[in-house]
Amino acid sequence: MPDQPAPRGLFFEQFAPGAVMTSPARTITESDVVVFAGLSGDFNPLHTDAEFARGTAYGERIAHGMLGLAVATGLAARLGVLDGTALAFLAVDWKFRKPILLGDTIAAEMDVARTKAMPAMGGGIVTLNVRVTNHRREVVQKGTWDVLVRGRPGGGDDH
């Protein structure tokens, strides 16, 4: 069996409470909404029908809330800090604060809230506070993610 490349992500011991990370930004497009509707089966007219959406409080179509959360996970992945070291996504506590409009450019801002060693599971739990902001710097979604992260081979502590 060939050797696997070393993971790019941080090991559990390298996550320090208080550390802050900001992802690259990404614009939510018409294609994103159409593909997500097809993938999820959620064809709510608020997302897919421009005429219907004009008559709502938003006055236009908005992206699915769950699309925003899904894109946030992808933005977090682009940081690389969990690339090859995340073992499991354990929990999400999420709030949808404002709509994400088609054409909004969003980014994910994360800070490490706490860490809990779980040696029997091969690493530990990293709790991240996550905020999704639009290009107007408004928080559109926020919450916490608990991620099981692999420990450094052979142990070790970078704190």
C-alpha atoms as a PDB file:
ATOM      1  CA  MET A   1       0.000   0.000   0.000  1.00  0.00           C
ATOM      2  CA  PRO A   2       1.552   3.350  -0.986  1.00  0.00           C
ATOM      3  CA  ASP A   3       2.321   5.946   1.647  1.00  0.00           C
ATOM      4  CA  GLN A   4      -0.400   8.522   2.062  1.00  0.00           C
ATOM      5  CA  PRO A   5       0.608  12.178   1.833  1.00  0.00           C
ATOM      6  CA  ALA A   6       0.903  14.043   5.113  1.00  0.00           C
ATOM      7  CA  PRO A   7      -2.301  15.879   6.023  1.00  0.00           C
ATOM      8  CA  ARG A   8      -2.330  19.593   5.331  1.00  0.00           C
ATOM      9  CA  GLY A   9      -4.662  20.315   8.263  1.00  0.00           C
ATOM     10  CA  LEU A  10      -3.858  21.047  11.854  1.00  0.00           C
ATOM     11  CA  PHE A  11      -3.784  18.262  14.400  1.00  0.00           C
ATOM     12  CA  PHE A  12      -5.957  18.543  17.517  1.00  0.00           C
ATOM     13  CA  GLU A  13      -3.012  19.688  19.638  1.00  0.00           C
ATOM     14  CA  GLN A  14      -2.412  22.627  17.291  1.00  0.00           C
ATOM     15  CA  PHE A  15      -5.843  24.227  17.836  1.00  0.00           C
ATOM     16  CA  ALA A  16      -5.642  26.950  20.475  1.00  0.00           C
ATOM     17  CA  PRO A  17      -8.743  28.557  21.991  1.00  0.00           C
ATOM     18  CA  GLY A  18      -9.027  32.121  20.739  1.00  0.00           C
ATOM     19  CA  ALA A  19      -7.385  31.477  17.361  1.00  0.00           C
ATOM     20  CA  VAL A  20      -9.277  33.297  14.586  1.00  0.00           C
ATOM     21  CA  MET A  21      -9.458  32.330  10.904  1.00  0.00           C
ATOM     22  CA  THR A  22     -11.243  33.972   7.963  1.00  0.00           C
ATOM     23  CA  SER A  23     -11.988  32.093   4.775  1.00  0.00           C
ATOM     24  CA  PRO A  24     -11.758  33.368   1.245  1.00  0.00           C
ATOM     25  CA  ALA A  25     -15.049  34.838  -0.002  1.00  0.00           C
ATOM     26  CA  ARG A  26     -17.456  33.375  -2.555  1.00  0.00           C
ATOM     27  CA  THR A  27     -20.417  34.846  -4.435  1.00  0.00           C
ATOM     28  CA  ILE A  28     -23.751  33.000  -4.279  1.00  0.00           C
ATOM     29  CA  THR A  29     -25.053  32.607  -7.827  1.00  0.00           C
ATOM     30  CA  GLU A  30     -28.218  31.643  -9.645  1.00  0.00           C
ATOM     31  CA  SER A  31     -26.545  28.324 -10.479  1.00  0.00           C
ATOM     32  CA  ASP A  32     -25.875  27.625  -6.793  1.00  0.00           C
ATOM     33  CA  VAL A  33     -29.558  28.034  -5.957  1.00  0.00           C
ATOM     34  CA  VAL A  34     -30.766  25.947  -8.918  1.00  0.00           C
ATOM     35  CA  VAL A  35     -28.308  23.123  -8.239  1.00  0.00           C
ATOM     36  CA  PHE A  36     -29.076  23.136  -4.506  1.00  0.00           C
ATOM     37  CA  ALA A  37     -32.822  23.000  -5.194  1.00  0.00           C
ATOM     38  CA  GLY A  38     -32.257  19.961  -7.410  1.00  0.00           C
ATOM     39  CA  LEU A  39     -29.904  18.286  -4.973  1.00  0.00           C
ATOM     40  CA  SER A  40     -32.057  18.869  -1.890  1.00  0.00           C
ATOM     41  CA  GLY A  41     -35.473  18.643  -3.562  1.00  0.00           C
ATOM     42  CA  ASP A  42     -36.398  22.007  -1.977  1.00  0.00           C
ATOM     43  CA  PHE A  43     -38.128  23.954  -4.743  1.00  0.00           C
ATOM     44  CA  ASN A  44     -39.787  26.472  -2.404  1.00  0.00           C
ATOM     45  CA  PRO A  45     -40.863  29.385  -4.634  1.00  0.00           C
ATOM     46  CA  LEU A  46     -39.083  31.806  -2.299  1.00  0.00           C
ATOM     47  CA  HIS A  47     -35.879  30.417  -3.831  1.00  0.00           C
ATOM     48  CA  THR A  48     -36.997  29.417  -7.313  1.00  0.00           C
ATOM     49  CA  ASP A  49     -39.824  31.717  -8.476  1.00  0.00           C
ATOM     50  CA  ALA A  50     -38.925  35.375  -9.101  1.00  0.00           C
ATOM     51  CA  GLU A  51     -42.573  36.482  -9.443  1.00  0.00           C
ATOM     52  CA  PHE A  52     -43.586  34.812  -6.198  1.00  0.00           C
ATOM     53  CA  ALA A  53     -40.527  36.167  -4.358  1.00  0.00           C
ATOM     54  CA  ARG A  54     -41.300  39.762  -5.461  1.00  0.00           C
ATOM     55  CA  GLY A  55     -44.405  39.592  -3.289  1.00  0.00           C
ATOM     56  CA  THR A  56     -42.525  38.547  -0.145  1.00  0.00           C
ATOM     57  CA  ALA A  57     -40.915  40.666   2.557  1.00  0.00           C
ATOM     58  CA  TYR A  58     -37.559  40.226   0.785  1.00  0.00           C
ATOM     59  CA  GLY A  59     -38.845  41.468  -2.582  1.00  0.00           C
ATOM     60  CA  GLU A  60     -36.608  39.026  -4.427  1.00  0.00           C
ATOM     61  CA  ARG A  61     -35.468  35.415  -4.359  1.00  0.00           C
ATOM     62  CA  ILE A  62     -33.145  34.378  -1.558  1.00  0.00           C
ATOM     63  CA  ALA A  63     -30.734  31.473  -1.248  1.00  0.00           C
ATOM     64  CA  HIS A  64     -31.785  28.446   0.779  1.00  0.00           C
ATOM     65  CA  GLY A  65     -30.625  28.787   4.382  1.00  0.00           C
ATOM     66  CA  MET A  66     -29.130  25.312   4.217  1.00  0.00           C
ATOM     67  CA  LEU A  67     -27.242  26.324   1.075  1.00  0.00           C
ATOM     68  CA  GLY A  68     -25.575  29.036   3.154  1.00  0.00           C
ATOM     69  CA  LEU A  69     -24.574  26.472   5.781  1.00  0.00           C
ATOM     70  CA  ALA A  70     -23.292  24.070   3.121  1.00  0.00           C
ATOM     71  CA  VAL A  71     -21.247  26.815   1.457  1.00  0.00           C
ATOM     72  CA  ALA A  72     -19.882  27.813   4.884  1.00  0.00           C
ATOM     73  CA  THR A  73     -18.503  24.292   5.351  1.00  0.00           C
ATOM     74  CA  GLY A  74     -16.828  24.555   1.945  1.00  0.00           C
ATOM     75  CA  LEU A  75     -15.372  27.968   2.780  1.00  0.00           C
ATOM     76  CA  ALA A  76     -14.011  26.540   6.026  1.00  0.00           C
ATOM     77  CA  ALA A  77     -12.495  23.650   4.059  1.00  0.00           C
ATOM     78  CA  ARG A  78     -10.681  26.129   1.807  1.00  0.00           C
ATOM     79  CA  LEU A  79      -8.721  27.294   4.855  1.00  0.00           C
ATOM     80  CA  GLY A  80      -7.096  23.861   4.921  1.00  0.00           C
ATOM     81  CA  VAL A  81      -6.972  23.636   8.729  1.00  0.00           C
ATOM     82  CA  LEU A  82      -9.098  20.465   8.765  1.00  0.00           C
ATOM     83  CA  ASP A  83      -7.790  18.961   5.516  1.00  0.00           C
ATOM     84  CA  GLY A  84      -6.850  15.363   6.285  1.00  0.00           C
ATOM     85  CA  THR A  85      -7.222  15.736  10.058  1.00  0.00           C
ATOM     86  CA  ALA A  86     -11.006  16.079  10.530  1.00  0.00           C
ATOM     87  CA  LEU A  87     -12.389  12.695  11.556  1.00  0.00           C
ATOM     88  CA  ALA A  88     -16.051  13.614  12.024  1.00  0.00           C
ATOM     89  CA  PHE A  89     -18.434  16.565  12.072  1.00  0.00           C
ATOM     90  CA  LEU A  90     -20.194  15.894  15.410  1.00  0.00           C
ATOM     91  CA  ALA A  91     -22.672  18.709  16.016  1.00  0.00           C
ATOM     92  CA  VAL A  92     -24.041  21.967  14.641  1.00  0.00           C
ATOM     93  CA  ASP A  93     -25.956  24.679  16.492  1.00  0.00           C
ATOM     94  CA  TRP A  94     -26.975  27.185  13.812  1.00  0.00           C
ATOM     95  CA  LYS A  95     -28.940  30.428  13.508  1.00  0.00           C
ATOM     96  CA  PHE A  96     -30.181  32.017  10.297  1.00  0.00           C
ATOM     97  CA  ARG A  97     -29.994  35.766  10.993  1.00  0.00           C
ATOM     98  CA  LYS A  98     -30.546  37.457   7.613  1.00  0.00           C
ATOM     99  CA  PRO A  99     -31.255  36.258   4.087  1.00  0.00           C
ATOM    100  CA  ILE A 100     -28.462  35.527   1.658  1.00  0.00           C
ATOM    101  CA  LEU A 101     -29.412  37.186  -1.607  1.00  0.00           C
ATOM    102  CA  LEU A 102     -28.384  35.948  -5.022  1.00  0.00           C
ATOM    103  CA  GLY A 103     -25.240  37.939  -5.805  1.00  0.00           C
ATOM    104  CA  ASP A 104     -24.140  38.252  -2.159  1.00  0.00           C
ATOM    105  CA  THR A 105     -20.488  37.474  -1.536  1.00  0.00           C
ATOM    106  CA  ILE A 106     -20.031  35.574   1.712  1.00  0.00           C
ATOM    107  CA  ALA A 107     -17.106  34.480   3.874  1.00  0.00           C
ATOM    108  CA  ALA A 108     -16.795  32.361   7.008  1.00  0.00           C
ATOM    109  CA  GLU A 109     -15.083  33.728  10.092  1.00  0.00           C
ATOM    110  CA  MET A 110     -14.181  31.104  12.686  1.00  0.00           C
ATOM    111  CA  ASP A 111     -12.640  31.175  16.103  1.00  0.00           C
ATOM    112  CA  VAL A 112     -11.681  28.254  18.287  1.00  0.00           C
ATOM    113  CA  ALA A 113     -14.022  28.369  21.293  1.00  0.00           C
ATOM    114  CA  ARG A 114     -12.634  25.352  23.146  1.00  0.00           C
ATOM    115  CA  THR A 115     -10.879  22.043  22.776  1.00  0.00           C
ATOM    116  CA  LYS A 116     -11.466  18.771  24.589  1.00  0.00           C
ATOM    117  CA  ALA A 117      -8.987  15.922  24.352  1.00  0.00           C
ATOM    118  CA  MET A 118     -10.542  12.555  23.475  1.00  0.00           C
ATOM    119  CA  PRO A 119      -7.547  10.188  23.392  1.00  0.00           C
ATOM    120  CA  ALA A 120      -9.743   7.098  23.022  1.00  0.00           C
ATOM    121  CA  MET A 121     -11.100   8.605  19.783  1.00  0.00           C
ATOM    122  CA  GLY A 122      -7.665   9.396  18.404  1.00  0.00           C
ATOM    123  CA  GLY A 123      -7.642  13.155  18.985  1.00  0.00           C
ATOM    124  CA  GLY A 124     -10.112  15.610  20.401  1.00  0.00           C
ATOM    125  CA  ILE A 125     -13.145  17.793  19.871  1.00  0.00           C
ATOM    126  CA  VAL A 126     -12.603  21.314  18.555  1.00  0.00           C
ATOM    127  CA  THR A 127     -15.566  23.658  19.023  1.00  0.00           C
ATOM    128  CA  LEU A 128     -15.609  26.467  16.478  1.00  0.00           C
ATOM    129  CA  ASN A 129     -17.690  29.639  16.644  1.00  0.00           C
ATOM    130  CA  VAL A 130     -18.586  30.350  13.027  1.00  0.00           C
ATOM    131  CA  ARG A 131     -20.046  33.511  11.509  1.00  0.00           C
ATOM    132  CA  VAL A 132     -21.043  33.836   7.867  1.00  0.00           C
ATOM    133  CA  THR A 133     -20.844  37.450   6.728  1.00  0.00           C
ATOM    134  CA  ASN A 134     -21.882  39.071   3.489  1.00  0.00           C
ATOM    135  CA  HIS A 135     -19.972  41.733   1.555  1.00  0.00           C
ATOM    136  CA  ARG A 136     -21.790  44.379   3.624  1.00  0.00           C
ATOM    137  CA  ARG A 137     -20.158  42.830   6.751  1.00  0.00           C
ATOM    138  CA  GLU A 138     -23.570  41.738   8.042  1.00  0.00           C
ATOM    139  CA  VAL A 139     -23.725  38.430   9.912  1.00  0.00           C
ATOM    140  CA  VAL A 140     -26.208  36.345   7.919  1.00  0.00           C
ATOM    141  CA  GLN A 141     -25.707  33.026   9.721  1.00  0.00           C
ATOM    142  CA  LYS A 142     -23.826  31.968  12.821  1.00  0.00           C
ATOM    143  CA  GLY A 143     -23.381  29.153  15.254  1.00  0.00           C
ATOM    144  CA  THR A 144     -21.036  26.531  16.588  1.00  0.00           C
ATOM    145  CA  TRP A 145     -19.567  23.412  15.045  1.00  0.00           C
ATOM    146  CA  ASP A 146     -18.052  20.514  16.979  1.00  0.00           C
ATOM    147  CA  VAL A 147     -15.443  18.659  14.948  1.00  0.00           C
ATOM    148  CA  LEU A 148     -13.504  15.549  15.969  1.00  0.00           C
ATOM    149  CA  VAL A 149      -9.919  16.208  14.904  1.00  0.00           C
ATOM    150  CA  ARG A 150      -7.135  13.655  14.700  1.00  0.00           C
ATOM    151  CA  GLY A 151      -4.326  13.955  17.219  1.00  0.00           C
ATOM    152  CA  ARG A 152      -0.706  14.298  16.237  1.00  0.00           C
ATOM    153  CA  PRO A 153       0.859  10.920  15.486  1.00  0.00           C
ATOM    154  CA  GLY A 154       2.840   9.943  18.555  1.00  0.00           C
ATOM    155  CA  GLY A 155       1.104  12.623  20.670  1.00  0.00           C
ATOM    156  CA  GLY A 156       2.619  15.991  21.380  1.00  0.00           C
ATOM    157  CA  ASP A 157       1.265  19.334  22.444  1.00  0.00           C
ATOM    158  CA  ASP A 158       1.714  22.646  20.628  1.00  0.00           C
ATOM    159  CA  HIS A 159      -0.186  24.718  23.234  1.00  0.00           C
END
